[in-house]
Structure formats: C-alpha cells, structure tokens
Amino acid sequence: MALEEEQKPKGGVARSRLIVRLGAFLVSHNVFVSVVCCIAGIIALLLLPVLAKNTYISENALMPGSANPAFSAQDVMEANRFVKDLIDRRTIEGTGIEIPRLIGQHMAGVGAEVYYHKFWPHKNQFHPLHFFSCAPNTVTMQSNSSCASVGVNSIGIIRAPRGDGKEAIVLVTPYNPWKIELSEALSLGLAFSIFSLLGQVSWLAKDIVWLAADSQFGEYTSVSAWLKDYHSPVFFSESGKMNVDMCYEYNSHQDWDRITVNWANANAFKRAGTMAAALVLKVLEKKERQERDSLTIYAEASNGQMPNLDLINIVHYLAVHRQGLRVKIATIGSLLNSVWLRSIGEIVQRLCRFAKSLDPRWKYDITSADYVEGSATLASSMYYQAIGVPTGSHGAFRDYQVDAVTLELSPWFSLKNENSQSAFLLRGGRT
C-alpha cells in the first residue's frame, strides 16, 4: 500500500501514459502532422539522388574485362549476309511466312534445335485470375481466332557442351515479319552472329535460347505468350489440331500454302533449363544525330524491387570502357529537359559545395546534370512501377522472376550507310 501511494501523483489524479498522450496529440493535430510528413517525404525524395550510394559489381557476377571478346570480323560478315537475305525477302509475297522460315533455317544451320511457336493476340480484358499475368493461355484462344491473326515465333536452342541442361540464357529479338525494317534486320543479324558464335565454343556451361519474336501484335505479346507456354504444360486438343490443319488452306491475308514447316514438329514445344537471365537486342535509328554510337538500357522489376544491378553494371562497364559507347538508362524524356528540375539541381549543387567546404570528409558532391539524370531515372522507375505497364519485351520476364534487360543500340550514322554497318555490328557484338 505504501508503494502504491508513492507512485500516485501529489494531486491525486493518475496521469495517462506517454503513448496515449502522443496518440491524442496526433489525432487532434492530424492535418498539421500530415502536411509535415508530406513535406519531409518530398524533401527526402529530392535528396535521394545525393544520398544514394554508388552501385558496384558483385563478386558472384561475371568480372568484366577478364576475357577477350571472341566476336570477330568473320562473325560480322555472317551478320551482313543474314541481313541481306532478310532484306531480299521483303519483296517476296507472303513475307510473313518466309522470314520466320528463313530464321529457322539459319538456326538449324549452326546446329541448334529449332521449333516454331504459334500464338494468338491477347484480348484486352481484365480477369481476376490473371491479375499479375494478364496473358491468357494461347490454346484457349484458338476457337475465337483465325489463321489471319496468328503469330509465329522462331526459337533455336543450343545445348551447352559443359552444362547439365538446368540453366539457360535467353536472347530475344523482336521484329515484324510482315513489314520488317532495316533496323529490325540488323538486330536479327547481330543476334544470329552471336548465336552462331556461341554454338561453336566448347566452354559454354548454360543453354542458349534465341527467341525471334513475332511482334506484329506488339513486342510484349509474343514474348509473354512464349513464356507462358514455356513455364506451363500445353496439351493440344482435337479442336486445336483442326485449326492448325485449316491454316493450310489459302487465306487472303496469309498464303499458308507457301510455308514448308511441318506443324506437327512445330507443336513439339522444346525447353531448355531454368532461365537465369534474358537479353533483348534492338537496333533503333534515332532522328537526332549523335557524336557516337549510344546504348540505352531498359530494365524493370516487380513488386517495388530493384532490377538486377549486376546485369546493368556489367553491360554499362563493357559498353563504356571496352567499346566507347554512350550509355544511358531509359527515362522519361520530358524530365531531362525540365526547367524546374534543372533549377533544383543547381540549388542542390550549391548546397553540396557548401557542405563540403564545412567538412571535406562529407562526400556530398554532385553536379546539376547528374542530379537531373538521377532524378529522372528515379521518377521514371517509380512511375512505371506504379502503373504496372511493362516498358518492353523484357517486362514479360518479370512475372517469372527472371532478370531481363533490353539493350537498344543506336548508331550515330544513317543505317543506310553500308560502310559503317560492319563497324557498328562489331561494337554491338563485343558489347
């Protein structure tokens, strides 16, 4: 009793605990506290490019510069011949069938296992069971699709001589077989030369899968359909076989009589090991002229996570220090030219210089241009994470937790300049 009396306050009134009083204060001043938290969050977000630590290449990743590039002028000659064959097919009737067949023939010529994957375009409708992967099964859409709306992916697999078939690396090149552009032909030629080179080496420990994706319905659709069938068993029903046989009949949009592919073998879906990483190769001619060739990296991850920085840093290191390319991460272009963001960058630059003058040990040193680029990259990543819309073919791999990036090569010259194409392909292949 004496102890309880000592714990009571002198006034005889029991005081509430601190947590209760703090909660009451927050509730009574909720508007003020919300405004303060929002302002603090915005300030922290604006300072994040300054406070962020530099990334590094993990020891478990491939050490760049530890090996000499084996991509040679002979590989460039193969790429040029393949590009010429693709361009010559543009004038042939039924080019949408001839080009996938030509790609498959070249894949088989280097000793790869070849098959063709047929898919239909996705319907733009929401389904609660397909929230995270809104691509329906390609087989279930056969009853509502015709031969005129079918796409054909060409896939080649090189089995690793030193591997056990449990891991694979995927190489993707999207293109439109019905209206193939010179840039798409160059990306296919570059991928074929790399694929051919990897088929000749003896040190390969992972299977190599080359997916020539039919992007007439969109770059994401073709890759997503193939990935869905790759990671789930596909059983072809009798109705599906009937639709395949119907595709041999003449069609005004696609002359299916010209195709020499055995669809019974095409439906034999082949698989490699578990996907360790994926690279999407694209060649794009930009309207504005540049001083040198450039490389734009597109990367994204799911559920608010960061993409695989080792994969990005390795590509960045090899492209800059080995091939002298101008490398940048894909961002929202309007932010790079934003006046208010540039003004904030100049203010932050002055504050960093002032902080460094107070204590040289503080490493808050950033230029206005670096701040604008870092903020634009951060805002772009947050925006695409929020809306959940993929930025390219690499976005289809995130549903399966596969690290993937898109490498978009842009030459400084016109693609019609044949004399500079070989040097461009050589730099791109060695990157």
Protein backbone atom coordinates (compact mmCIF):
# COMPACT_ATOMS: atom_id res chain seq x y z
CA MET A 1 0.00 0.00 0.00
CA ALA A 2 2.79 2.37 0.80
CA LEU A 3 4.41 1.68 -2.58
CA GLU A 4 1.18 2.36 -4.48
CA GLU A 5 0.70 5.63 -2.60
CA GLU A 6 4.21 6.75 -3.53
CA GLN A 7 3.56 6.09 -7.25
CA LYS A 8 0.45 8.28 -7.30
CA PRO A 9 0.96 11.94 -8.20
CA LYS A 10 0.59 14.52 -5.45
CA GLY A 11 -2.63 15.90 -6.87
CA GLY A 12 -4.30 12.52 -6.56
CA VAL A 13 -5.06 12.38 -10.33
CA ALA A 14 -3.49 9.49 -12.35
CA ARG A 15 -1.65 10.75 -15.45
CA SER A 16 -2.06 8.87 -18.72
CA ARG A 17 0.87 7.12 -20.33
CA LEU A 18 3.11 8.89 -22.84
CA ILE A 19 1.96 6.79 -25.80
CA VAL A 20 -1.66 7.68 -25.10
CA ARG A 21 -0.91 11.39 -24.87
CA LEU A 22 1.15 11.23 -28.08
CA GLY A 23 -1.70 9.50 -29.89
CA ALA A 24 -4.18 12.08 -28.70
CA PHE A 25 -1.88 14.87 -29.87
CA LEU A 26 -1.55 13.33 -33.35
CA VAL A 27 -5.30 12.89 -33.67
CA SER A 28 -6.04 16.44 -32.58
CA HIS A 29 -3.40 17.87 -34.96
CA ASN A 30 -3.78 15.37 -37.80
CA VAL A 31 -3.80 17.97 -40.57
CA PHE A 32 -0.60 19.63 -39.38
CA VAL A 33 1.18 16.29 -38.90
CA SER A 34 0.10 15.10 -42.37
CA VAL A 35 1.44 18.25 -44.02
CA VAL A 36 4.77 17.96 -42.17
CA CYS A 37 5.15 14.28 -43.15
CA CYS A 38 4.36 15.01 -46.80
CA ILE A 39 6.88 17.86 -46.94
CA ALA A 40 9.53 15.70 -45.25
CA GLY A 41 8.86 12.88 -47.72
CA ILE A 42 9.18 15.19 -50.73
CA ILE A 43 12.43 16.67 -49.40
CA ALA A 44 13.85 13.19 -48.75
CA LEU A 45 12.83 12.12 -52.26
CA LEU A 46 14.54 15.15 -53.81
CA LEU A 47 17.70 14.45 -51.79
CA LEU A 48 17.75 10.75 -52.65
CA PRO A 49 20.00 11.18 -55.76
CA VAL A 50 22.53 12.91 -53.49
CA LEU A 51 22.35 10.45 -50.59
CA ALA A 52 22.22 7.29 -52.71
CA LYS A 53 25.31 5.10 -52.65
CA ASN A 54 27.15 4.11 -55.80
CA THR A 55 26.43 0.64 -57.09
CA TYR A 56 29.10 -1.96 -57.64
CA ILE A 57 29.53 -5.30 -59.38
CA SER A 58 29.15 -8.26 -57.05
CA GLU A 59 31.92 -10.81 -56.73
CA ASN A 60 29.50 -13.52 -57.79
CA ALA A 61 28.82 -11.77 -61.08
CA LEU A 62 30.88 -12.00 -64.22
CA MET A 63 34.01 -9.89 -63.88
CA PRO A 64 34.17 -7.64 -66.93
CA GLY A 65 37.48 -7.40 -68.67
CA SER A 66 38.61 -10.83 -67.51
CA ALA A 67 38.31 -12.30 -71.02
CA ASN A 68 39.00 -11.11 -74.52
CA PRO A 69 35.99 -10.74 -76.84
CA ALA A 70 35.81 -13.53 -79.41
CA PHE A 71 33.43 -11.67 -81.72
CA SER A 72 35.44 -11.10 -84.91
CA ALA A 73 35.13 -9.69 -88.41
CA GLN A 74 34.08 -13.10 -89.71
CA ASP A 75 31.04 -13.00 -87.44
CA VAL A 76 30.24 -9.57 -88.82
CA MET A 77 30.34 -10.97 -92.36
CA GLU A 78 27.84 -13.67 -91.35
CA ALA A 79 25.59 -10.99 -89.87
CA ASN A 80 25.76 -8.92 -93.06
CA ARG A 81 24.86 -11.94 -95.22
CA PHE A 82 21.91 -12.73 -92.98
CA VAL A 83 20.73 -9.11 -93.08
CA LYS A 84 20.93 -9.16 -96.89
CA ASP A 85 18.83 -12.33 -97.03
CA LEU A 86 16.20 -10.73 -94.79
CA ILE A 87 16.07 -7.55 -96.86
CA ASP A 88 15.73 -9.57 -100.09
CA ARG A 89 12.71 -11.41 -98.63
CA ARG A 90 10.80 -8.16 -98.18
CA THR A 91 9.81 -8.10 -101.84
CA ILE A 92 8.52 -11.70 -101.85
CA GLU A 93 4.80 -12.31 -101.48
CA GLY A 94 3.98 -13.95 -98.15
CA THR A 95 6.98 -12.45 -96.42
CA GLY A 96 5.32 -13.03 -93.04
CA ILE A 97 5.87 -16.75 -93.53
CA GLU A 98 9.12 -16.68 -95.46
CA ILE A 99 11.07 -14.69 -92.87
CA PRO A 100 10.30 -16.96 -89.86
CA ARG A 101 11.19 -19.95 -92.04
CA LEU A 102 14.45 -18.28 -93.12
CA ILE A 103 15.37 -17.58 -89.49
CA GLY A 104 14.65 -21.20 -88.59
CA GLN A 105 16.83 -22.45 -91.43
CA HIS A 106 19.77 -20.33 -90.27
CA MET A 107 19.26 -21.54 -86.70
CA ALA A 108 19.38 -25.14 -87.86
CA GLY A 109 22.45 -24.36 -89.96
CA VAL A 110 24.51 -23.64 -86.82
CA GLY A 111 23.45 -26.89 -85.15
CA ALA A 112 20.62 -25.59 -82.98
CA GLU A 113 17.37 -27.35 -82.12
CA VAL A 114 14.66 -25.39 -83.92
CA TYR A 115 10.91 -25.21 -83.43
CA TYR A 116 8.14 -22.73 -84.15
CA HIS A 117 5.73 -21.39 -81.58
CA LYS A 118 2.32 -20.27 -82.78
CA PHE A 119 0.30 -17.79 -80.71
CA TRP A 120 -2.70 -15.52 -80.94
CA PRO A 121 -3.00 -11.89 -79.83
CA HIS A 122 -4.24 -11.25 -76.30
CA LYS A 123 -7.65 -9.86 -75.63
CA ASN A 124 -7.76 -6.53 -73.81
CA GLN A 125 -9.94 -7.65 -70.94
CA PHE A 126 -9.42 -7.99 -67.21
CA HIS A 127 -9.70 -11.34 -65.48
CA PRO A 128 -9.27 -11.68 -61.70
CA LEU A 129 -7.36 -14.95 -62.06
CA HIS A 130 -4.89 -13.32 -64.47
CA PHE A 131 -4.18 -10.20 -62.47
CA PHE A 132 -0.38 -10.50 -62.35
CA SER A 133 -0.03 -12.16 -65.74
CA CYS A 134 -2.94 -10.96 -67.83
CA ALA A 135 -1.95 -13.10 -70.81
CA PRO A 136 -4.46 -15.92 -71.26
CA ASN A 137 -3.38 -19.34 -72.43
CA THR A 138 -2.72 -19.34 -76.14
CA VAL A 139 -4.52 -22.65 -76.61
CA THR A 140 -7.81 -21.42 -75.16
CA MET A 141 -7.98 -18.64 -77.75
CA GLN A 142 -7.83 -20.88 -80.81
CA SER A 143 -11.61 -21.23 -81.05
CA ASN A 144 -12.06 -17.46 -81.38
CA SER A 145 -9.05 -16.81 -83.65
CA SER A 146 -8.38 -17.33 -87.32
CA CYS A 147 -5.28 -18.09 -89.31
CA ALA A 148 -5.12 -14.44 -90.34
CA SER A 149 -4.45 -13.35 -86.75
CA VAL A 150 -1.75 -15.84 -85.85
CA GLY A 151 1.85 -15.06 -84.98
CA VAL A 152 4.84 -17.37 -85.32
CA ASN A 153 7.93 -17.23 -83.11
CA SER A 154 11.12 -18.91 -84.28
CA ILE A 155 13.12 -20.49 -81.46
CA GLY A 156 16.55 -22.07 -81.54
CA ILE A 157 18.27 -23.85 -78.64
CA ILE A 158 21.99 -24.53 -78.31
CA ARG A 159 22.72 -27.22 -75.75
CA ALA A 160 25.72 -26.39 -73.58
CA PRO A 161 28.53 -28.95 -74.01
CA ARG A 162 29.72 -28.38 -70.42
CA GLY A 163 26.31 -27.97 -68.85
CA ASP A 164 23.69 -30.28 -67.40
CA GLY A 165 20.73 -28.56 -69.05
CA LYS A 166 19.45 -26.99 -65.82
CA GLU A 167 20.15 -23.33 -66.69
CA ALA A 168 19.69 -21.23 -69.79
CA ILE A 169 20.20 -17.70 -71.07
CA VAL A 170 17.58 -16.25 -73.40
CA LEU A 171 18.33 -13.91 -76.30
CA VAL A 172 15.29 -12.08 -77.70
CA THR A 173 14.99 -10.09 -80.94
CA PRO A 174 11.52 -8.67 -81.69
CA TYR A 175 10.61 -7.97 -85.32
CA ASN A 176 7.56 -7.63 -87.56
CA PRO A 177 7.73 -10.29 -90.31
CA TRP A 178 5.08 -8.59 -92.43
CA LYS A 179 6.85 -5.24 -92.51
CA ILE A 180 10.44 -5.79 -91.47
CA GLU A 181 12.54 -2.64 -91.18
CA LEU A 182 16.27 -2.29 -91.74
CA SER A 183 16.80 -1.74 -88.01
CA GLU A 184 14.98 -4.99 -87.22
CA ALA A 185 17.04 -6.84 -89.83
CA LEU A 186 20.24 -5.52 -88.22
CA SER A 187 19.12 -6.65 -84.77
CA LEU A 188 18.33 -10.11 -86.16
CA GLY A 189 21.69 -10.22 -87.93
CA LEU A 190 23.52 -9.21 -84.76
CA ALA A 191 21.67 -11.83 -82.70
CA PHE A 192 22.33 -14.52 -85.31
CA SER A 193 26.07 -13.83 -85.37
CA ILE A 194 26.23 -14.03 -81.56
CA PHE A 195 24.10 -17.18 -81.57
CA SER A 196 26.32 -18.76 -84.24
CA LEU A 197 29.48 -17.89 -82.30
CA LEU A 198 28.14 -19.41 -79.07
CA GLY A 199 27.24 -22.56 -80.96
CA GLN A 200 30.90 -23.11 -81.85
CA VAL A 201 32.56 -22.65 -78.45
CA SER A 202 33.34 -25.55 -76.13
CA TRP A 203 33.31 -23.69 -72.81
CA LEU A 204 29.57 -22.99 -72.74
CA ALA A 205 28.00 -24.06 -69.42
CA LYS A 206 24.44 -22.75 -69.93
CA ASP A 207 22.00 -23.47 -72.72
CA ILE A 208 21.41 -20.59 -75.12
CA VAL A 209 17.88 -19.91 -76.33
CA TRP A 210 17.32 -17.48 -79.19
CA LEU A 211 13.75 -16.24 -79.48
CA ALA A 212 12.99 -14.41 -82.74
CA ALA A 213 9.72 -12.90 -81.53
CA ASP A 214 6.97 -12.03 -83.99
CA SER A 215 5.98 -8.54 -82.83
CA GLN A 216 3.17 -7.79 -85.28
CA PHE A 217 0.78 -7.72 -82.30
CA GLY A 218 3.24 -5.97 -80.01
CA GLU A 219 6.64 -6.79 -78.58
CA TYR A 220 5.23 -7.84 -75.23
CA THR A 221 2.53 -10.16 -76.58
CA SER A 222 4.78 -12.58 -78.44
CA VAL A 223 7.31 -12.95 -75.62
CA SER A 224 4.60 -13.26 -72.97
CA ALA A 225 2.80 -15.99 -74.93
CA TRP A 226 6.00 -18.00 -75.35
CA LEU A 227 6.96 -17.64 -71.68
CA LYS A 228 3.53 -18.77 -70.57
CA ASP A 229 3.78 -21.95 -72.64
CA TYR A 230 7.41 -22.43 -71.57
CA HIS A 231 6.57 -22.47 -67.86
CA SER A 232 3.34 -24.46 -68.12
CA PRO A 233 2.50 -27.72 -69.89
CA VAL A 234 0.50 -27.37 -73.10
CA PHE A 235 -1.90 -30.09 -74.21
CA PHE A 236 -3.25 -29.68 -77.71
CA SER A 237 -6.86 -30.75 -78.03
CA GLU A 238 -8.57 -32.09 -81.11
CA SER A 239 -10.08 -28.68 -81.85
CA GLY A 240 -6.62 -27.17 -81.75
CA LYS A 241 -5.31 -29.66 -84.27
CA MET A 242 -8.27 -28.95 -86.51
CA ASN A 243 -7.48 -25.24 -86.52
CA VAL A 244 -3.87 -25.99 -87.39
CA ASP A 245 -4.96 -28.08 -90.38
CA MET A 246 -7.30 -25.32 -91.51
CA CYS A 247 -4.31 -22.98 -91.74
CA TYR A 248 -3.06 -24.89 -94.78
CA GLU A 249 -5.94 -23.53 -96.80
CA TYR A 250 -5.49 -20.40 -98.82
CA ASN A 251 -6.09 -17.19 -96.95
CA SER A 252 -6.32 -13.73 -98.48
CA HIS A 253 -4.12 -12.23 -95.79
CA GLN A 254 -1.55 -15.02 -95.44
CA ASP A 255 -0.67 -17.52 -98.14
CA TRP A 256 -0.27 -20.54 -95.91
CA ASP A 257 0.43 -22.82 -98.87
CA ARG A 258 3.93 -21.32 -99.11
CA ILE A 259 5.05 -22.48 -95.71
CA THR A 260 7.18 -25.62 -95.62
CA VAL A 261 7.18 -26.02 -91.84
CA ASN A 262 5.80 -29.29 -90.50
CA TRP A 263 3.33 -28.08 -87.90
CA ALA A 264 3.36 -31.45 -86.15
CA ASN A 265 7.01 -30.82 -85.30
CA ALA A 266 6.33 -27.15 -84.66
CA ASN A 267 3.88 -28.05 -81.89
CA ALA A 268 6.56 -30.15 -80.18
CA PHE A 269 7.45 -27.44 -77.70
CA LYS A 270 11.11 -27.75 -76.69
CA ARG A 271 12.57 -26.39 -73.49
CA ALA A 272 15.99 -25.65 -72.06
CA GLY A 273 16.95 -25.21 -68.42
CA THR A 274 15.71 -22.67 -65.90
CA MET A 275 16.12 -19.15 -67.22
CA ALA A 276 18.99 -17.41 -65.46
CA ALA A 277 18.84 -14.15 -67.42
CA ALA A 278 17.43 -12.67 -70.61
CA LEU A 279 18.76 -10.06 -73.04
CA VAL A 280 16.59 -8.26 -75.58
CA LEU A 281 18.57 -6.84 -78.51
CA LYS A 282 17.20 -3.96 -80.55
CA VAL A 283 18.68 -1.59 -83.10
CA LEU A 284 16.98 1.77 -83.42
CA GLU A 285 17.83 4.68 -85.67
CA LYS A 286 17.18 7.96 -83.89
CA LYS A 287 16.17 11.11 -85.69
CA GLU A 288 18.68 13.36 -83.97
CA ARG A 289 22.31 12.93 -84.94
CA GLN A 290 24.85 11.93 -82.29
CA GLU A 291 28.60 12.17 -81.93
CA ARG A 292 29.00 8.43 -81.29
CA ASP A 293 27.01 5.22 -81.02
CA SER A 294 24.76 5.01 -77.99
CA LEU A 295 23.27 2.24 -75.88
CA THR A 296 20.02 2.65 -73.95
CA ILE A 297 19.27 0.13 -71.20
CA TYR A 298 15.68 -0.70 -70.26
CA ALA A 299 15.18 -2.61 -67.02
CA GLU A 300 12.40 -3.14 -64.53
CA ALA A 301 11.39 -5.40 -61.67
CA SER A 302 8.18 -6.35 -59.93
CA ASN A 303 6.68 -5.62 -56.51
CA GLY A 304 8.72 -2.48 -55.95
CA GLN A 305 12.04 -4.30 -56.15
CA MET A 306 15.18 -3.08 -57.85
CA PRO A 307 16.24 -4.77 -61.09
CA ASN A 308 19.41 -6.83 -61.17
CA LEU A 309 22.06 -4.11 -60.91
CA ASP A 310 24.90 -6.55 -61.62
CA LEU A 311 23.46 -7.19 -65.06
CA ILE A 312 23.10 -3.47 -65.75
CA ASN A 313 26.53 -2.55 -64.40
CA ILE A 314 28.31 -5.24 -66.41
CA VAL A 315 26.71 -4.06 -69.64
CA HIS A 316 27.49 -0.46 -68.72
CA TYR A 317 31.13 -1.25 -67.94
CA LEU A 318 31.76 -3.23 -71.12
CA ALA A 319 29.97 -0.73 -73.35
CA VAL A 320 31.77 2.32 -71.95
CA HIS A 321 35.27 1.05 -71.23
CA ARG A 322 35.60 -1.52 -73.99
CA GLN A 323 33.62 -0.12 -76.93
CA GLY A 324 33.37 3.58 -76.09
CA LEU A 325 29.59 3.73 -76.38
CA ARG A 326 27.45 6.41 -74.81
CA VAL A 327 25.33 4.54 -72.26
CA LYS A 328 22.21 5.78 -70.52
CA ILE A 329 19.30 4.31 -68.60
CA ALA A 330 15.89 4.78 -70.17
CA THR A 331 13.97 7.62 -68.54
CA ILE A 332 11.02 9.88 -69.25
CA GLY A 333 12.46 12.27 -71.82
CA SER A 334 10.45 15.30 -70.70
CA LEU A 335 12.07 15.23 -67.25
CA LEU A 336 15.57 15.58 -68.69
CA ASN A 337 14.57 18.90 -70.25
CA SER A 338 12.55 20.09 -67.27
CA VAL A 339 13.40 23.64 -66.20
CA TRP A 340 12.25 23.26 -62.59
CA LEU A 341 14.21 20.04 -62.14
CA ARG A 342 17.31 21.72 -63.53
CA SER A 343 16.80 24.62 -61.10
CA ILE A 344 16.54 22.21 -58.17
CA GLY A 345 19.72 20.52 -59.41
CA GLU A 346 21.60 23.82 -59.36
CA ILE A 347 20.40 24.55 -55.82
CA VAL A 348 21.42 21.07 -54.65
CA GLN A 349 24.82 21.50 -56.29
CA ARG A 350 25.44 24.74 -54.36
CA LEU A 351 24.33 23.12 -51.11
CA CYS A 352 26.68 20.19 -51.69
CA ARG A 353 29.62 22.53 -52.31
CA PHE A 354 28.77 24.48 -49.16
CA ALA A 355 28.53 21.27 -47.10
CA LYS A 356 31.86 20.07 -48.48
CA SER A 357 33.50 23.37 -47.55
CA LEU A 358 32.36 22.89 -43.96
CA ASP A 359 33.76 19.36 -43.74
CA PRO A 360 35.81 17.87 -46.61
CA ARG A 361 35.02 14.38 -45.32
CA TRP A 362 31.43 14.78 -46.45
CA LYS A 363 31.20 13.27 -49.92
CA TYR A 364 28.11 15.16 -50.98
CA ASP A 365 29.41 16.14 -54.40
CA ILE A 366 27.04 16.03 -57.35
CA THR A 367 26.70 18.17 -60.46
CA SER A 368 23.46 19.62 -61.72
CA ALA A 369 23.46 17.36 -64.81
CA ASP A 370 23.99 14.22 -62.72
CA TYR A 371 21.22 15.26 -60.36
CA VAL A 372 18.77 15.79 -63.23
CA GLU A 373 19.64 12.42 -64.76
CA GLY A 374 19.40 10.60 -61.42
CA SER A 375 16.08 12.23 -60.54
CA ALA A 376 14.66 11.45 -63.99
CA THR A 377 15.70 7.80 -63.66
CA LEU A 378 14.18 7.60 -60.18
CA ALA A 379 10.91 9.23 -61.26
CA SER A 380 10.68 7.02 -64.35
CA SER A 381 11.19 3.86 -62.28
CA MET A 382 8.57 4.94 -59.74
CA TYR A 383 6.09 5.83 -62.47
CA TYR A 384 6.31 2.52 -64.34
CA GLN A 385 6.27 0.58 -61.07
CA ALA A 386 3.07 2.39 -60.07
CA ILE A 387 1.15 1.85 -63.31
CA GLY A 388 2.48 -1.69 -63.78
CA VAL A 389 2.81 -1.36 -67.56
CA PRO A 390 5.94 -3.05 -69.00
CA THR A 391 8.34 -0.87 -70.96
CA GLY A 392 9.22 -3.57 -73.50
CA SER A 393 9.74 -7.25 -74.16
CA HIS A 394 11.88 -7.58 -71.04
CA GLY A 395 8.83 -6.81 -68.92
CA ALA A 396 7.33 -10.20 -69.77
CA PHE A 397 10.08 -11.93 -67.80
CA ARG A 398 9.31 -10.20 -64.50
CA ASP A 399 6.23 -12.40 -63.89
CA TYR A 400 8.60 -15.36 -63.71
CA GLN A 401 11.32 -13.66 -61.60
CA VAL A 402 13.83 -13.73 -64.46
CA ASP A 403 16.36 -10.90 -64.68
CA ALA A 404 16.00 -9.25 -68.08
CA VAL A 405 17.13 -6.03 -69.76
CA THR A 406 16.63 -4.52 -73.18
CA LEU A 407 19.74 -3.24 -74.96
CA GLU A 408 18.78 -0.65 -77.55
CA LEU A 409 21.69 0.21 -79.83
CA SER A 410 21.54 3.45 -81.80
CA PRO A 411 24.23 4.28 -84.38
CA TRP A 412 25.45 7.80 -84.94
CA PHE A 413 25.22 7.36 -88.72
CA SER A 414 22.33 6.52 -91.03
CA LEU A 415 21.53 2.82 -91.19
CA LYS A 416 21.58 3.03 -94.98
CA ASN A 417 25.33 3.67 -94.87
CA GLU A 418 26.65 0.17 -95.60
CA ASN A 419 30.28 1.12 -95.00
CA SER A 420 29.65 1.89 -91.32
CA GLN A 421 27.31 -1.02 -90.62
CA SER A 422 30.14 -3.52 -90.17
CA ALA A 423 31.91 -1.39 -87.55
CA PHE A 424 28.60 -0.87 -85.75
CA LEU A 425 27.85 -4.62 -85.70
CA LEU A 426 31.36 -5.34 -84.43
CA ARG A 427 30.97 -2.94 -81.49
CA GLY A 428 27.48 -4.24 -80.74
CA GLY A 429 28.57 -7.89 -80.80
CA ARG A 430 31.51 -7.28 -78.49
CA THR A 431 29.32 -5.41 -76.03
